[in-house]
Amino acid sequence: MSDWGNEPVGDETGDDKADPDPDEPARSGAGPGLYYGSVDEFLRDYLRHTYQRSINGRSRVWDARWWEHAEAVIRLEALWRAWEHLRLDPTTGTSVWLRDHADHHMPILMDPDGPFAAAPDTDHNKTRRGEPLPYQSPPAGLFPDIRTDAVPLD
């Protein structure tokens, strides 16, 4: 889904990672397996940098501690899994993922009555337009990298 730009995006460790190339084998080296090893890695390294919105705590909400909200985890996991599958379609994969998945789940996630409704109204959970979505690392081991046991998606 590299047509969202080929600019590198940074992660919380300061490492830069370019958008994945759907024609390259997954980083696991086992063919078209998973590109991201967990929902945490997908959110941290991709989604929060590409799906940027102003989060003001009133009309849109988010919680940097996203993993504390079961519905949010389920929706983010669904976004990640759909992205992993659709990234392999070089023709309409990006469009289908945006239309059927991101455009459906992201407004629900950011709705003031959605899964983050109880998020603390602090500056840590707010952003201005063009900034990455708020993010805090989950506890170690909560979302292990599953690429070592991943099977190809096709």
C-alpha atoms as a PDB file:
ATOM      1  CA  MET A   1       0.000   0.000   0.000  1.00  0.00           C
ATOM      2  CA  SER A   2       2.877   2.234  -0.859  1.00  0.00           C
ATOM      3  CA  ASP A   3       0.772   4.736  -2.788  1.00  0.00           C
ATOM      4  CA  TRP A   4       0.282   6.649   0.472  1.00  0.00           C
ATOM      5  CA  GLY A   5       3.794   7.912  -0.143  1.00  0.00           C
ATOM      6  CA  ASN A   6       7.271   6.570   0.048  1.00  0.00           C
ATOM      7  CA  GLU A   7       8.460   8.965   2.706  1.00  0.00           C
ATOM      8  CA  PRO A   8      10.015   7.132   5.651  1.00  0.00           C
ATOM      9  CA  VAL A   9       8.069   7.259   8.878  1.00  0.00           C
ATOM     10  CA  GLY A  10       9.740   7.080  12.251  1.00  0.00           C
ATOM     11  CA  ASP A  11       8.814   4.878  15.149  1.00  0.00           C
ATOM     12  CA  GLU A  12       9.153   5.595  18.842  1.00  0.00           C
ATOM     13  CA  THR A  13      12.729   4.284  18.845  1.00  0.00           C
ATOM     14  CA  GLY A  14      13.789   6.790  16.195  1.00  0.00           C
ATOM     15  CA  ASP A  15      14.293   4.123  13.522  1.00  0.00           C
ATOM     16  CA  ASP A  16      13.000   5.053  10.090  1.00  0.00           C
ATOM     17  CA  LYS A  17      11.013   2.591   8.026  1.00  0.00           C
ATOM     18  CA  ALA A  18       9.774   3.162   4.498  1.00  0.00           C
ATOM     19  CA  ASP A  19       6.257   2.202   3.535  1.00  0.00           C
ATOM     20  CA  PRO A  20       6.110  -1.484   2.637  1.00  0.00           C
ATOM     21  CA  ASP A  21       6.417  -2.522  -0.990  1.00  0.00           C
ATOM     22  CA  PRO A  22       3.686  -5.078  -1.774  1.00  0.00           C
ATOM     23  CA  ASP A  23       5.918  -6.657  -4.422  1.00  0.00           C
ATOM     24  CA  GLU A  24       8.703  -7.416  -1.927  1.00  0.00           C
ATOM     25  CA  PRO A  25       8.632 -10.479   0.313  1.00  0.00           C
ATOM     26  CA  ALA A  26       7.615  -9.828   3.892  1.00  0.00           C
ATOM     27  CA  ARG A  27      10.394  -8.976   6.303  1.00  0.00           C
ATOM     28  CA  SER A  28      10.206 -12.495   7.715  1.00  0.00           C
ATOM     29  CA  GLY A  29      11.747 -13.710   4.448  1.00  0.00           C
ATOM     30  CA  ALA A  30       9.032 -16.350   3.960  1.00  0.00           C
ATOM     31  CA  GLY A  31       7.238 -14.864   0.971  1.00  0.00           C
ATOM     32  CA  PRO A  32       4.046 -12.834   1.311  1.00  0.00           C
ATOM     33  CA  GLY A  33       3.558 -13.315   5.022  1.00  0.00           C
ATOM     34  CA  LEU A  34       2.878 -10.586   7.526  1.00  0.00           C
ATOM     35  CA  TYR A  35       4.652  -7.272   7.080  1.00  0.00           C
ATOM     36  CA  TYR A  36       3.882  -6.116  10.619  1.00  0.00           C
ATOM     37  CA  GLY A  37       4.240  -8.654  13.404  1.00  0.00           C
ATOM     38  CA  SER A  38       1.559  -7.245  15.705  1.00  0.00           C
ATOM     39  CA  VAL A  39      -1.262  -4.755  15.909  1.00  0.00           C
ATOM     40  CA  ASP A  40       1.030  -2.641  18.090  1.00  0.00           C
ATOM     41  CA  GLU A  41       3.724  -2.482  15.401  1.00  0.00           C
ATOM     42  CA  PHE A  42       1.088  -1.673  12.743  1.00  0.00           C
ATOM     43  CA  LEU A  43      -0.353   1.159  14.819  1.00  0.00           C
ATOM     44  CA  ARG A  44       3.018   2.485  16.019  1.00  0.00           C
ATOM     45  CA  ASP A  45       4.854   2.396  12.691  1.00  0.00           C
ATOM     46  CA  TYR A  46       2.122   2.860  10.098  1.00  0.00           C
ATOM     47  CA  LEU A  47      -1.444   3.770  10.996  1.00  0.00           C
ATOM     48  CA  ARG A  48      -0.779   6.631  13.417  1.00  0.00           C
ATOM     49  CA  HIS A  49       1.560   8.278  10.912  1.00  0.00           C
ATOM     50  CA  THR A  50      -0.666   7.916   7.859  1.00  0.00           C
ATOM     51  CA  TYR A  51      -4.133   8.461   9.357  1.00  0.00           C
ATOM     52  CA  GLN A  52      -3.499  11.851  10.934  1.00  0.00           C
ATOM     53  CA  ARG A  53      -6.388  13.876  12.278  1.00  0.00           C
ATOM     54  CA  SER A  54      -6.841  16.663  14.769  1.00  0.00           C
ATOM     55  CA  ILE A  55      -7.780  15.013  18.055  1.00  0.00           C
ATOM     56  CA  ASN A  56      -9.288  17.660  20.332  1.00  0.00           C
ATOM     57  CA  GLY A  57     -11.020  15.546  22.981  1.00  0.00           C
ATOM     58  CA  ARG A  58     -14.460  16.855  21.987  1.00  0.00           C
ATOM     59  CA  SER A  59     -15.387  16.100  18.358  1.00  0.00           C
ATOM     60  CA  ARG A  60     -12.636  13.454  18.029  1.00  0.00           C
ATOM     61  CA  VAL A  61     -11.079  11.404  20.808  1.00  0.00           C
ATOM     62  CA  TRP A  62      -8.187   8.971  21.040  1.00  0.00           C
ATOM     63  CA  ASP A  63      -6.299   7.303  23.856  1.00  0.00           C
ATOM     64  CA  ALA A  64      -2.533   6.929  23.650  1.00  0.00           C
ATOM     65  CA  ARG A  65      -3.082   3.903  25.914  1.00  0.00           C
ATOM     66  CA  TRP A  66      -5.240   2.303  23.206  1.00  0.00           C
ATOM     67  CA  TRP A  67      -4.595  -1.244  24.406  1.00  0.00           C
ATOM     68  CA  GLU A  68      -6.661  -0.602  27.563  1.00  0.00           C
ATOM     69  CA  HIS A  69      -9.877  -0.511  25.486  1.00  0.00           C
ATOM     70  CA  ALA A  70     -11.067  -3.946  24.309  1.00  0.00           C
ATOM     71  CA  GLU A  71     -13.229  -2.656  21.462  1.00  0.00           C
ATOM     72  CA  ALA A  72     -10.391  -0.453  20.215  1.00  0.00           C
ATOM     73  CA  VAL A  73      -7.990  -3.403  20.198  1.00  0.00           C
ATOM     74  CA  ILE A  74     -10.484  -5.507  18.235  1.00  0.00           C
ATOM     75  CA  ARG A  75     -11.064  -2.752  15.674  1.00  0.00           C
ATOM     76  CA  LEU A  76      -7.341  -1.976  15.323  1.00  0.00           C
ATOM     77  CA  GLU A  77      -6.589  -5.679  14.942  1.00  0.00           C
ATOM     78  CA  ALA A  78      -9.246  -5.877  12.209  1.00  0.00           C
ATOM     79  CA  LEU A  79      -7.676  -2.886  10.446  1.00  0.00           C
ATOM     80  CA  TRP A  80      -4.230  -4.471  10.647  1.00  0.00           C
ATOM     81  CA  ARG A  81      -5.346  -7.898   9.383  1.00  0.00           C
ATOM     82  CA  ALA A  82      -7.310  -6.370   6.509  1.00  0.00           C
ATOM     83  CA  TRP A  83      -4.328  -4.181   5.599  1.00  0.00           C
ATOM     84  CA  GLU A  84      -2.014  -7.221   5.602  1.00  0.00           C
ATOM     85  CA  HIS A  85      -4.322  -9.014   3.177  1.00  0.00           C
ATOM     86  CA  LEU A  86      -5.130  -6.081   0.905  1.00  0.00           C
ATOM     87  CA  ARG A  87      -1.551  -4.797   0.625  1.00  0.00           C
ATOM     88  CA  LEU A  88      -0.922  -7.775  -1.654  1.00  0.00           C
ATOM     89  CA  ASP A  89      -3.403  -6.421  -4.232  1.00  0.00           C
ATOM     90  CA  PRO A  90      -1.436  -3.868  -6.280  1.00  0.00           C
ATOM     91  CA  THR A  91      -4.493  -2.677  -8.192  1.00  0.00           C
ATOM     92  CA  THR A  92      -7.263  -1.721  -5.768  1.00  0.00           C
ATOM     93  CA  GLY A  93      -5.989  -2.989  -2.415  1.00  0.00           C
ATOM     94  CA  THR A  94      -5.328   0.464  -0.999  1.00  0.00           C
ATOM     95  CA  SER A  95      -8.678   1.814  -2.116  1.00  0.00           C
ATOM     96  CA  VAL A  96     -10.587  -1.175  -0.771  1.00  0.00           C
ATOM     97  CA  TRP A  97      -8.754  -0.981   2.565  1.00  0.00           C
ATOM     98  CA  LEU A  98      -9.512   2.723   2.900  1.00  0.00           C
ATOM     99  CA  ARG A  99     -13.141   2.462   1.790  1.00  0.00           C
ATOM    100  CA  ASP A 100     -14.169  -0.744   3.533  1.00  0.00           C
ATOM    101  CA  HIS A 101     -11.953  -0.722   6.597  1.00  0.00           C
ATOM    102  CA  ALA A 102     -10.207   2.525   7.597  1.00  0.00           C
ATOM    103  CA  ASP A 103     -13.111   4.756   6.578  1.00  0.00           C
ATOM    104  CA  HIS A 104     -15.443   2.534   8.588  1.00  0.00           C
ATOM    105  CA  HIS A 105     -13.455   1.859  11.774  1.00  0.00           C
ATOM    106  CA  MET A 106     -11.495   5.082  12.284  1.00  0.00           C
ATOM    107  CA  PRO A 107     -14.543   7.373  12.708  1.00  0.00           C
ATOM    108  CA  ILE A 108     -15.985   4.873  15.195  1.00  0.00           C
ATOM    109  CA  LEU A 109     -12.698   4.735  17.098  1.00  0.00           C
ATOM    110  CA  MET A 110     -12.490   8.546  17.231  1.00  0.00           C
ATOM    111  CA  ASP A 111     -16.156   9.154  18.020  1.00  0.00           C
ATOM    112  CA  PRO A 112     -16.702  10.866  21.394  1.00  0.00           C
ATOM    113  CA  ASP A 113     -19.150   8.062  22.272  1.00  0.00           C
ATOM    114  CA  GLY A 114     -16.889   5.322  20.861  1.00  0.00           C
ATOM    115  CA  PRO A 115     -14.364   3.008  22.505  1.00  0.00           C
ATOM    116  CA  PHE A 116     -12.172   5.894  23.703  1.00  0.00           C
ATOM    117  CA  ALA A 117     -15.041   7.824  25.316  1.00  0.00           C
ATOM    118  CA  ALA A 118     -13.544   7.288  28.785  1.00  0.00           C
ATOM    119  CA  ALA A 119     -10.041   8.373  27.733  1.00  0.00           C
ATOM    120  CA  PRO A 120      -8.571  11.082  29.948  1.00  0.00           C
ATOM    121  CA  ASP A 121      -8.986  14.543  28.442  1.00  0.00           C
ATOM    122  CA  THR A 122      -5.290  15.410  28.613  1.00  0.00           C
ATOM    123  CA  ASP A 123      -2.835  16.979  26.192  1.00  0.00           C
ATOM    124  CA  HIS A 124      -1.189  13.538  25.934  1.00  0.00           C
ATOM    125  CA  ASN A 125      -4.325  12.315  24.101  1.00  0.00           C
ATOM    126  CA  LYS A 126      -4.627  15.273  21.713  1.00  0.00           C
ATOM    127  CA  THR A 127      -3.006  16.216  18.423  1.00  0.00           C
ATOM    128  CA  ARG A 128      -3.155  18.952  15.843  1.00  0.00           C
ATOM    129  CA  ARG A 129      -3.905  18.214  12.199  1.00  0.00           C
ATOM    130  CA  GLY A 130      -0.873  16.634  10.552  1.00  0.00           C
ATOM    131  CA  GLU A 131       0.526  15.102  13.739  1.00  0.00           C
ATOM    132  CA  PRO A 132       0.623  11.337  14.365  1.00  0.00           C
ATOM    133  CA  LEU A 133      -2.154   9.901  16.488  1.00  0.00           C
ATOM    134  CA  PRO A 134      -1.262   9.766  20.198  1.00  0.00           C
ATOM    135  CA  TYR A 135       0.648   6.644  21.125  1.00  0.00           C
ATOM    136  CA  GLN A 136       2.129   5.042  24.213  1.00  0.00           C
ATOM    137  CA  SER A 137       3.833   1.644  24.113  1.00  0.00           C
ATOM    138  CA  PRO A 138       1.795  -1.191  25.634  1.00  0.00           C
ATOM    139  CA  PRO A 139       3.314  -3.336  28.383  1.00  0.00           C
ATOM    140  CA  ALA A 140       6.086  -5.606  27.133  1.00  0.00           C
ATOM    141  CA  GLY A 141       4.817  -8.938  25.841  1.00  0.00           C
ATOM    142  CA  LEU A 142       1.192  -7.846  25.421  1.00  0.00           C
ATOM    143  CA  PHE A 143       1.396  -7.966  21.609  1.00  0.00           C
ATOM    144  CA  PRO A 144       4.230 -10.344  20.655  1.00  0.00           C
ATOM    145  CA  ASP A 145       5.578 -10.414  17.112  1.00  0.00           C
ATOM    146  CA  ILE A 146       3.763 -13.325  15.449  1.00  0.00           C
ATOM    147  CA  ARG A 147       5.760 -13.334  12.204  1.00  0.00           C
ATOM    148  CA  THR A 148       7.902 -16.194  13.423  1.00  0.00           C
ATOM    149  CA  ASP A 149       4.824 -18.453  13.283  1.00  0.00           C
ATOM    150  CA  ALA A 150       3.052 -16.624  10.451  1.00  0.00           C
ATOM    151  CA  VAL A 151       1.822 -18.513   7.429  1.00  0.00           C
ATOM    152  CA  PRO A 152       1.464 -16.876   4.009  1.00  0.00           C
ATOM    153  CA  LEU A 153      -1.797 -15.005   3.499  1.00  0.00           C
ATOM    154  CA  ASP A 154      -2.574 -16.388   0.053  1.00  0.00           C
END
